[in-house]
């Protein structure tokens, strides 16, 4: 091989090493951001659960846990709704199961989708 080819190979290797380093840095930053967002979500979930222990009676918490298994999005919206109502002082705590049922049925009516009937 000639000197020119050696220099060309060296330049290509350096470019490739530089590209690999950038890719590794990018992946590390993405992973760090994902971990941070997961920590924030976990902290928010812990805060909501702590508030539910304050706001709900044990029976109501049990019902909400059952709802959460089937409809996680609905449970999160109920928890945030109850937390905001509690912070505004608009609900009496501890909230019993029958009141929670009324809140859930009200939210379910808003979320119902139309059914298509075939004739």
Protein backbone atom coordinates (compact mmCIF):
# COMPACT_ATOMS: atom_id res chain seq x y z
CA UNK A 1 0.00 0.00 0.00
CA UNK A 2 1.06 3.49 -0.64
CA UNK A 3 1.31 6.31 1.82
CA UNK A 4 -1.77 7.98 0.31
CA UNK A 5 -3.88 4.87 0.88
CA UNK A 6 -2.64 4.60 4.47
CA UNK A 7 -3.58 8.22 5.11
CA UNK A 8 -7.00 7.63 3.49
CA UNK A 9 -7.63 4.59 5.71
CA UNK A 10 -6.53 6.50 8.79
CA UNK A 11 -8.89 9.38 7.94
CA UNK A 12 -11.82 6.97 7.38
CA UNK A 13 -11.10 5.20 10.69
CA UNK A 14 -10.99 8.50 12.55
CA UNK A 15 -14.30 9.56 10.99
CA UNK A 16 -15.88 6.25 11.95
CA UNK A 17 -14.56 6.45 15.52
CA UNK A 18 -15.88 9.99 15.80
CA UNK A 19 -19.31 8.90 14.49
CA UNK A 20 -19.44 5.98 16.94
CA UNK A 21 -18.55 8.29 19.85
CA UNK A 22 -21.33 10.69 18.87
CA UNK A 23 -23.80 7.83 18.58
CA UNK A 24 -22.83 6.51 22.02
CA UNK A 25 -23.19 9.98 23.56
CA UNK A 26 -26.59 10.40 21.93
CA UNK A 27 -27.80 7.04 23.23
CA UNK A 28 -26.54 7.86 26.72
CA UNK A 29 -28.41 11.17 26.70
CA UNK A 30 -31.60 9.47 25.48
CA UNK A 31 -31.33 6.86 28.22
CA UNK A 32 -30.73 9.53 30.86
CA UNK A 33 -33.79 11.49 29.70
CA UNK A 34 -35.91 8.33 29.76
CA UNK A 35 -34.76 7.52 33.29
CA UNK A 36 -35.50 11.06 34.46
CA UNK A 37 -39.00 11.01 32.96
CA UNK A 38 -39.65 7.62 34.56
CA UNK A 39 -38.58 9.01 37.94
CA UNK A 40 -40.87 12.01 37.52
CA UNK A 41 -43.80 9.77 36.59
CA UNK A 42 -43.13 7.50 39.56
CA UNK A 43 -43.01 10.50 41.90
CA UNK A 44 -46.30 11.81 40.52
CA UNK A 45 -47.90 8.39 40.91
CA UNK A 46 -46.63 8.13 44.50
CA UNK A 47 -48.01 11.59 45.24
CA UNK A 48 -51.43 10.67 43.81
CA UNK A 49 -51.51 7.42 45.79
CA UNK A 50 -50.57 9.27 48.99
CA UNK A 51 -53.35 11.77 48.37
CA UNK A 52 -55.82 8.93 47.76
CA UNK A 53 -54.96 7.48 51.19
CA UNK A 54 -55.98 10.82 52.66
CA UNK A 55 -59.03 11.50 50.49
CA UNK A 56 -60.67 8.06 50.14
CA UNK A 57 -62.05 5.59 52.64
CA UNK A 58 -60.55 2.07 52.53
CA UNK A 59 -63.58 0.72 50.61
CA UNK A 60 -63.35 3.53 48.06
CA UNK A 61 -59.60 2.94 47.64
CA UNK A 62 -60.33 -0.74 47.01
CA UNK A 63 -62.90 0.14 44.34
CA UNK A 64 -60.53 2.61 42.70
CA UNK A 65 -57.77 -0.03 42.68
CA UNK A 66 -60.15 -2.41 40.90
CA UNK A 67 -61.02 0.27 38.36
CA UNK A 68 -57.32 0.96 37.89
CA UNK A 69 -56.69 -2.64 36.90
CA UNK A 70 -59.30 -2.50 34.15
CA UNK A 71 -59.09 1.17 33.11
CA UNK A 72 -55.76 2.75 34.11
CA UNK A 73 -56.42 6.01 32.24
CA UNK A 74 -59.79 6.45 33.93
CA UNK A 75 -58.27 5.81 37.35
CA UNK A 76 -55.56 8.41 36.76
CA UNK A 77 -58.11 10.99 35.65
CA UNK A 78 -60.27 10.25 38.73
CA UNK A 79 -57.24 10.56 41.01
CA UNK A 80 -56.20 13.90 39.52
CA UNK A 81 -59.80 15.13 39.64
CA UNK A 82 -60.16 14.15 43.30
CA UNK A 83 -56.81 15.72 44.16
CA UNK A 84 -57.81 19.00 42.56
CA UNK A 85 -61.21 18.95 44.31
CA UNK A 86 -59.46 18.27 47.62
CA UNK A 87 -56.99 21.12 47.11
CA UNK A 88 -59.92 23.46 46.36
CA UNK A 89 -61.76 22.23 49.46
CA UNK A 90 -64.81 21.14 47.47
CA UNK A 91 -65.10 17.58 48.82
CA UNK A 92 -65.60 16.15 52.26
CA UNK A 93 -62.96 13.63 53.26
CA UNK A 94 -62.83 10.71 53.61
CA UNK A 95 -64.85 10.09 50.49
CA UNK A 96 -66.95 6.93 50.79
CA UNK A 97 -67.52 4.26 48.19
CA UNK A 98 -70.99 5.42 47.13
CA UNK A 99 -69.72 8.93 46.37
CA UNK A 100 -66.83 7.46 44.39
CA UNK A 101 -69.34 5.34 42.43
CA UNK A 102 -71.26 8.50 41.52
CA UNK A 103 -68.07 10.21 40.36
CA UNK A 104 -67.05 7.16 38.33
CA UNK A 105 -70.48 6.83 36.70
CA UNK A 106 -70.41 10.52 35.82
CA UNK A 107 -67.03 10.16 34.17
CA UNK A 108 -68.09 6.95 32.42
CA UNK A 109 -71.11 8.70 30.88
CA UNK A 110 -68.81 11.34 29.44
CA UNK A 111 -66.54 8.69 27.94
CA UNK A 112 -69.14 6.39 26.40
CA UNK A 113 -68.78 5.80 22.72
CA UNK A 114 -71.73 5.50 20.39
CA UNK A 115 -72.62 1.98 19.32
CA UNK A 116 -73.46 1.04 15.76
CA UNK A 117 -76.56 -1.02 15.29
CA UNK A 118 -77.12 -3.01 12.15
CA UNK A 119 -80.61 -3.23 10.78
